[in-house]
Structures are given as C-alpha cells and as structure tokens.
C-alpha cells in the first residue's frame, strides 16, 4: 500500500514537471516566433516600397538622388560565384580525404578539429586575414577577387563538414561490393559514393552560398565597395551587404530605402536557396525509399 502511494506521488510529480517544462518550451517558442514575425513584417513593410524595375537596372546613386542596386547585385553575384568556385572543390576534396582515406587517423582528427575552429571563426577575422594576405601585399589595392577569397574561407569548412558526413553515411556494403569487382578506389568514390551522397553535398554547397550572400565584414576589408559599375575582379566592387551597411546608417531617405530593399531581396534569395536545399534532400530521400 505504501509502495503504491509513493509511486503515485512520484508519477504525479513527474507529470507536473513535464507539464511545466512543456509549457515553458511552448512559451519560448511562441516568443521566438513573435520576434521573428516582427522582424519579417518590418523588413517586408519597409522594403517592399523600394522594389521596382529601377532597383535592378540602375546603379547606386549619390546622396539625394534616385537609383538602384544593379552594380551591387552584380558584385555580390560575382564574388559569391567565385567563392563557390574556389571553396567548394577544396571542401569536397578535403571531405573526401577525411571520409575515405583519413578515417580515424590522428591527422584526420587534427583536420576535423581545425575545421571546427574555422567553421566557428568570426567572419571579420577571416576578412582581416585575407586583407593582410592579399590587400596589404599588393600595395593596399582592394579587389573583388580578395573578397571572393575571404568568402571562400567561409564556404570551405561548411562544404568540408557536409561532404565528410554525407560520405560516411553511405553504407560500407556499397564500397565493398564495388571494390570486390576490382574497381579502383578513386573510381568507387567518383562513380558510386559521390552519386549516393550528391544530394547532401549539393545541399551543403547551397547552404554555404546562402551564408556568404549576407556577409559584410569580410568584404569591408577586401572588396571595399564601389558606387559605380565595375566588372574587373581585380578592382574594388560593390556588394549588397556593404551597400546596406553604408546606406542604412546614412541620413538620406533615398539611401535608407535602397538599404531596406536590398535587405528584402537578400532575405528572399536566402529563403529560396534554403527551400531549394530542403527540397533536394527530400526528393533524394523519397527516391531511395
């Protein structure tokens, strides 16, 4: 009788604890969603008025004049594209070595540890490193190429981690079956493992693209910015995050409006990239099922 009474008290206490914890979790989630909705509403309400054809066809204007973000959008596309071209192949190659050759060796452990540090390093530190490496050693000449290299340092650890994890998720039986047929290991990796892990690797590349598209700090020390159209990657080049940073704190209403419009365009781009990455993963998962 006493045992049943004690167990009943314990069960009641656990139920009360569970209800309290669940209630606090729901409250925290609701508060987070409210702030997120507030941020999105502010962004859309202030940025939608600046979305027009001129935003994509005119360059950034001088103070008190009308203009657009054509040169900034072009600069962001160029630097992000170069960053993916530089960082993604290196990340895939390094991740492949970790998963297929390094395995649990001491060298692989060190590489994973360093990659974790690089993954969590502030982007401004990477920008300062590239500034010291490229800008200062070339006589202080800012360039879009230097900005792309800084962004590539952000892409590299993301793609490396994703490639490593995706390749290690491929069943060992697939490797053994291919190797038992006398297929060289490099061909097993290219024709078997990459095909199985392609959705995860591409998703990692897309997510790294979404991350670097909004980076400002590295570009302030490398690409710097440009109010005019420039297609030379060895010269300073405008970008949407830097223009937002410069225009949002200005006293000119036209510049502030362009900053809000650029923020909305950038947020929409990141949203589409994230949805595309999720759709790619879900489609690949359904195909395997």
Protein backbone atom coordinates (compact mmCIF):
# COMPACT_ATOMS: atom_id res chain seq x y z
CA UNK A 1 0.00 0.00 0.00
CA UNK A 2 2.82 2.37 0.94
CA UNK A 3 4.72 1.44 -2.23
CA UNK A 4 1.69 2.27 -4.42
CA UNK A 5 1.26 5.61 -2.62
CA UNK A 6 4.94 6.53 -3.12
CA UNK A 7 4.87 5.56 -6.79
CA UNK A 8 1.69 7.60 -7.26
CA UNK A 9 3.36 10.68 -5.75
CA UNK A 10 6.40 10.19 -7.98
CA UNK A 11 4.19 9.85 -11.05
CA UNK A 12 2.25 12.99 -10.12
CA UNK A 13 5.45 14.96 -9.57
CA UNK A 14 6.81 13.81 -12.91
CA UNK A 15 3.59 14.80 -14.65
CA UNK A 16 3.69 18.24 -13.06
CA UNK A 17 7.36 18.66 -14.03
CA UNK A 18 6.57 17.55 -17.58
CA UNK A 19 3.65 19.99 -17.89
CA UNK A 20 5.75 22.88 -16.54
CA UNK A 21 8.68 22.11 -18.86
CA UNK A 22 6.36 21.70 -21.85
CA UNK A 23 4.59 24.97 -21.05
CA UNK A 24 7.87 26.88 -20.73
CA UNK A 25 9.06 25.39 -24.03
CA UNK A 26 5.85 26.44 -25.79
CA UNK A 27 6.10 29.95 -24.35
CA UNK A 28 9.72 30.25 -25.51
CA UNK A 29 8.77 29.04 -28.99
CA UNK A 30 5.86 31.48 -29.23
CA UNK A 31 8.05 34.39 -28.08
CA UNK A 32 10.71 33.47 -30.64
CA UNK A 33 8.12 33.23 -33.43
CA UNK A 34 6.63 36.58 -32.42
CA UNK A 35 10.01 38.31 -32.67
CA UNK A 36 10.72 36.54 -35.96
CA UNK A 37 7.35 37.65 -37.33
CA UNK A 38 8.01 41.19 -36.12
CA UNK A 39 11.37 41.25 -37.90
CA UNK A 40 9.91 39.86 -41.13
CA UNK A 41 6.98 42.29 -41.03
CA UNK A 42 9.32 45.25 -40.54
CA UNK A 43 11.54 44.04 -43.37
CA UNK A 44 8.68 43.50 -45.80
CA UNK A 45 6.77 46.67 -44.90
CA UNK A 46 9.85 48.89 -45.28
CA UNK A 47 11.47 47.07 -48.18
CA UNK A 48 8.53 46.35 -50.46
CA UNK A 49 8.11 50.02 -51.39
CA UNK A 50 11.63 50.05 -52.82
CA UNK A 51 11.12 47.01 -55.05
CA UNK A 52 10.78 48.31 -58.61
CA UNK A 53 12.37 47.92 -62.00
CA UNK A 54 14.92 50.66 -61.33
CA UNK A 55 16.30 48.70 -58.40
CA UNK A 56 17.71 46.14 -60.85
CA UNK A 57 18.57 48.46 -63.76
CA UNK A 58 20.28 51.45 -62.14
CA UNK A 59 23.49 51.77 -60.14
CA UNK A 60 23.82 53.06 -56.60
CA UNK A 61 23.14 56.82 -56.60
CA UNK A 62 24.88 59.78 -54.98
CA UNK A 63 23.16 61.38 -51.95
CA UNK A 64 19.68 62.84 -52.51
CA UNK A 65 19.31 61.13 -55.91
CA UNK A 66 17.31 58.20 -57.23
CA UNK A 67 19.00 54.96 -58.20
CA UNK A 68 19.15 51.22 -57.76
CA UNK A 69 21.38 48.32 -56.78
CA UNK A 70 22.41 46.93 -60.16
CA UNK A 71 26.14 47.19 -59.55
CA UNK A 72 25.80 45.83 -56.01
CA UNK A 73 23.71 42.85 -57.14
CA UNK A 74 26.22 42.12 -59.90
CA UNK A 75 29.13 42.40 -57.47
CA UNK A 76 27.52 40.07 -54.94
CA UNK A 77 26.80 37.51 -57.67
CA UNK A 78 30.38 37.64 -58.95
CA UNK A 79 32.05 37.38 -55.55
CA UNK A 80 29.72 34.66 -54.27
CA UNK A 81 30.17 32.72 -57.51
CA UNK A 82 33.96 32.97 -57.31
CA UNK A 83 33.87 31.96 -53.65
CA UNK A 84 31.89 28.82 -54.50
CA UNK A 85 34.26 28.01 -57.37
CA UNK A 86 37.26 28.37 -55.07
CA UNK A 87 35.92 26.92 -51.82
CA UNK A 88 33.55 24.13 -52.91
CA UNK A 89 36.07 21.92 -54.81
CA UNK A 90 38.58 22.26 -51.98
CA UNK A 91 35.91 21.41 -49.42
CA UNK A 92 34.71 18.35 -51.37
CA UNK A 93 38.28 17.12 -51.88
CA UNK A 94 39.20 17.59 -48.21
CA UNK A 95 35.95 16.00 -47.02
CA UNK A 96 36.57 13.03 -49.32
CA UNK A 97 40.04 12.53 -47.88
CA UNK A 98 38.68 12.65 -44.33
CA UNK A 99 35.91 10.13 -45.02
CA UNK A 100 37.73 7.69 -47.30
CA UNK A 101 41.46 7.94 -46.57
CA UNK A 102 41.99 9.70 -43.25
CA UNK A 103 39.19 7.87 -41.39
CA UNK A 104 40.05 7.86 -37.68
CA UNK A 105 43.75 8.65 -38.07
CA UNK A 106 45.47 11.30 -35.96
CA UNK A 107 45.88 13.58 -38.97
CA UNK A 108 42.16 13.37 -39.74
CA UNK A 109 41.33 14.20 -36.12
CA UNK A 110 43.53 17.29 -36.29
CA UNK A 111 41.96 18.36 -39.61
CA UNK A 112 38.44 17.98 -38.22
CA UNK A 113 39.39 19.98 -35.13
CA UNK A 114 40.90 22.79 -37.21
CA UNK A 115 37.88 22.74 -39.50
CA UNK A 116 35.55 23.12 -36.50
CA UNK A 117 37.55 26.16 -35.40
CA UNK A 118 37.38 27.64 -38.89
CA UNK A 119 33.67 26.90 -39.04
CA UNK A 120 33.01 28.93 -35.91
CA UNK A 121 35.58 31.67 -36.55
CA UNK A 122 34.14 35.21 -36.83
CA UNK A 123 33.95 36.29 -40.45
CA UNK A 124 35.70 39.57 -39.67
CA UNK A 125 38.79 37.60 -38.59
CA UNK A 126 38.83 35.83 -41.97
CA UNK A 127 38.44 39.20 -43.68
CA UNK A 128 41.38 40.63 -41.76
CA UNK A 129 43.49 37.58 -42.65
CA UNK A 130 42.78 37.98 -46.38
CA UNK A 131 43.37 41.74 -46.04
CA UNK A 132 46.83 41.02 -44.65
CA UNK A 133 47.48 38.26 -47.18
CA UNK A 134 46.28 39.88 -50.41
CA UNK A 135 45.40 43.55 -49.98
CA UNK A 136 48.42 44.73 -47.99
CA UNK A 137 50.85 42.69 -50.09
CA UNK A 138 49.55 44.29 -53.29
CA UNK A 139 50.01 47.87 -52.19
CA UNK A 140 46.64 48.25 -50.49
CA UNK A 141 44.59 47.55 -53.62
CA UNK A 142 41.12 46.28 -52.73
CA UNK A 143 39.54 43.89 -55.20
CA UNK A 144 36.58 41.62 -55.78
CA UNK A 145 39.00 38.69 -56.01
CA UNK A 146 40.19 39.34 -52.45
CA UNK A 147 36.57 39.48 -51.34
CA UNK A 148 35.88 36.16 -53.05
CA UNK A 149 38.86 34.56 -51.30
CA UNK A 150 37.58 35.81 -47.93
CA UNK A 151 34.16 34.33 -48.66
CA UNK A 152 35.77 31.09 -49.84
CA UNK A 153 37.24 30.65 -46.36
CA UNK A 154 33.64 30.63 -45.09
CA UNK A 155 32.49 28.19 -47.77
CA UNK A 156 35.35 25.73 -47.25
CA UNK A 157 34.57 24.42 -43.73
CA UNK A 158 30.84 24.14 -44.43
CA UNK A 159 31.36 22.05 -47.58
CA UNK A 160 34.11 20.01 -45.95
CA UNK A 161 31.94 19.07 -42.97
CA UNK A 162 28.96 18.25 -45.19
CA UNK A 163 31.00 16.10 -47.58
CA UNK A 164 32.64 14.22 -44.73
CA UNK A 165 29.33 13.48 -43.03
CA UNK A 166 27.49 12.51 -46.23
CA UNK A 167 30.20 10.12 -47.43
CA UNK A 168 30.38 8.43 -44.03
CA UNK A 169 26.62 7.86 -44.20
CA UNK A 170 26.98 5.79 -47.38
CA UNK A 171 26.71 2.07 -46.40
CA UNK A 172 30.02 0.21 -46.27
CA UNK A 173 28.47 -2.60 -48.33
CA UNK A 174 28.45 -0.33 -51.40
CA UNK A 175 32.19 0.22 -51.08
CA UNK A 176 32.85 -3.48 -50.51
CA UNK A 177 30.71 -4.53 -53.48
CA UNK A 178 32.50 -2.17 -55.85
CA UNK A 179 35.98 -2.99 -54.56
CA UNK A 180 35.28 -6.74 -54.79
CA UNK A 181 34.77 -6.29 -58.54
CA UNK A 182 38.28 -4.90 -58.87
CA UNK A 183 37.24 -1.26 -59.27
CA UNK A 184 39.95 1.22 -58.15
CA UNK A 185 39.13 3.17 -55.04
CA UNK A 186 39.16 6.54 -56.80
CA UNK A 187 36.60 5.28 -59.29
CA UNK A 188 34.45 3.90 -56.44
CA UNK A 189 34.47 7.35 -54.87
CA UNK A 190 33.62 9.18 -58.09
CA UNK A 191 31.07 6.81 -59.60
CA UNK A 192 29.48 5.22 -56.52
CA UNK A 193 29.95 7.30 -53.39
CA UNK A 194 29.54 10.73 -54.96
CA UNK A 195 26.32 9.63 -56.65
CA UNK A 196 24.92 8.36 -53.36
CA UNK A 197 25.95 11.45 -51.40
CA UNK A 198 25.35 14.01 -54.16
CA UNK A 199 22.16 15.45 -52.64
CA UNK A 200 23.82 16.10 -49.28
CA UNK A 201 26.96 17.59 -50.85
CA UNK A 202 24.97 19.91 -53.13
CA UNK A 203 22.84 20.91 -50.16
CA UNK A 204 25.97 21.87 -48.21
CA UNK A 205 27.17 23.98 -51.14
CA UNK A 206 23.80 25.73 -51.40
CA UNK A 207 23.70 26.43 -47.67
CA UNK A 208 27.22 27.86 -47.79
CA UNK A 209 26.09 30.09 -50.66
CA UNK A 210 23.16 31.29 -48.56
CA UNK A 211 25.52 32.05 -45.69
CA UNK A 212 28.10 34.08 -47.63
CA UNK A 213 25.48 36.08 -49.54
CA UNK A 214 24.82 38.19 -46.45
CA UNK A 215 28.38 38.57 -45.14
CA UNK A 216 29.52 42.17 -44.75
CA UNK A 217 32.60 42.24 -42.51
CA UNK A 218 34.97 40.28 -44.81
CA UNK A 219 34.08 42.47 -47.80
CA UNK A 220 34.75 45.72 -45.93
CA UNK A 221 38.43 44.74 -45.68
CA UNK A 222 38.79 43.16 -49.12
CA UNK A 223 36.37 44.28 -51.87
CA UNK A 224 35.68 47.57 -50.04
CA UNK A 225 32.86 48.80 -52.31
CA UNK A 226 32.22 50.90 -55.37
CA UNK A 227 29.44 53.37 -56.24
CA UNK A 228 29.93 52.70 -59.96
CA UNK A 229 29.61 49.72 -62.26
CA UNK A 230 32.76 47.58 -62.36
CA UNK A 231 33.29 44.18 -63.95
CA UNK A 232 37.04 43.91 -63.25
CA UNK A 233 37.55 41.45 -60.40
CA UNK A 234 40.93 42.98 -59.63
CA UNK A 235 39.32 46.30 -58.72
CA UNK A 236 37.01 47.32 -55.84
CA UNK A 237 33.46 46.11 -56.43
CA UNK A 238 30.12 46.88 -54.82
CA UNK A 239 28.06 44.25 -52.99
CA UNK A 240 24.59 44.25 -51.48
CA UNK A 241 25.64 43.68 -47.83
CA UNK A 242 28.21 46.51 -47.92
CA UNK A 243 25.73 48.87 -49.60
CA UNK A 244 23.16 48.02 -46.93
CA UNK A 245 25.72 48.73 -44.21
CA UNK A 246 26.66 52.09 -45.73
CA UNK A 247 23.18 53.26 -46.73
CA UNK A 248 21.22 52.12 -43.66
CA UNK A 249 23.15 54.47 -41.36
CA UNK A 250 23.04 57.45 -43.71
CA UNK A 251 20.80 60.50 -43.16
CA UNK A 252 19.43 60.31 -46.72
CA UNK A 253 15.98 58.81 -47.16
CA UNK A 254 16.70 57.51 -50.68
CA UNK A 255 19.72 55.57 -49.43
CA UNK A 256 17.78 54.16 -46.49
CA UNK A 257 15.05 52.98 -48.85
CA UNK A 258 17.61 51.22 -51.03
CA UNK A 259 19.09 49.56 -47.95
CA UNK A 260 15.69 48.15 -46.94
CA UNK A 261 15.01 46.99 -50.50
CA UNK A 262 18.39 45.29 -50.67
CA UNK A 263 17.74 43.57 -47.34
CA UNK A 264 14.43 42.24 -48.64
CA UNK A 265 16.00 40.97 -51.87
CA UNK A 266 18.82 39.32 -49.94
CA UNK A 267 16.43 37.68 -47.46
CA UNK A 268 14.27 36.37 -50.30
CA UNK A 269 17.34 34.92 -52.00
CA UNK A 270 18.46 33.15 -48.82
CA UNK A 271 14.92 31.81 -48.30
CA UNK A 272 14.77 30.41 -51.84
CA UNK A 273 18.20 28.79 -51.50
CA UNK A 274 17.20 27.18 -48.19
CA UNK A 275 13.92 25.90 -49.63
CA UNK A 276 15.75 24.54 -52.67
CA UNK A 277 18.25 22.70 -50.48
CA UNK A 278 15.47 21.18 -48.38
CA UNK A 279 13.50 20.15 -51.46
CA UNK A 280 16.60 18.50 -52.92
CA UNK A 281 17.16 16.46 -49.78
CA UNK A 282 13.51 15.41 -49.51
CA UNK A 283 13.35 14.36 -53.16
CA UNK A 284 16.50 12.27 -52.83
CA UNK A 285 15.16 10.63 -49.67
CA UNK A 286 11.89 9.70 -51.37
CA UNK A 287 13.78 8.26 -54.34
CA UNK A 288 15.77 5.92 -52.10
CA UNK A 289 12.62 4.79 -50.30
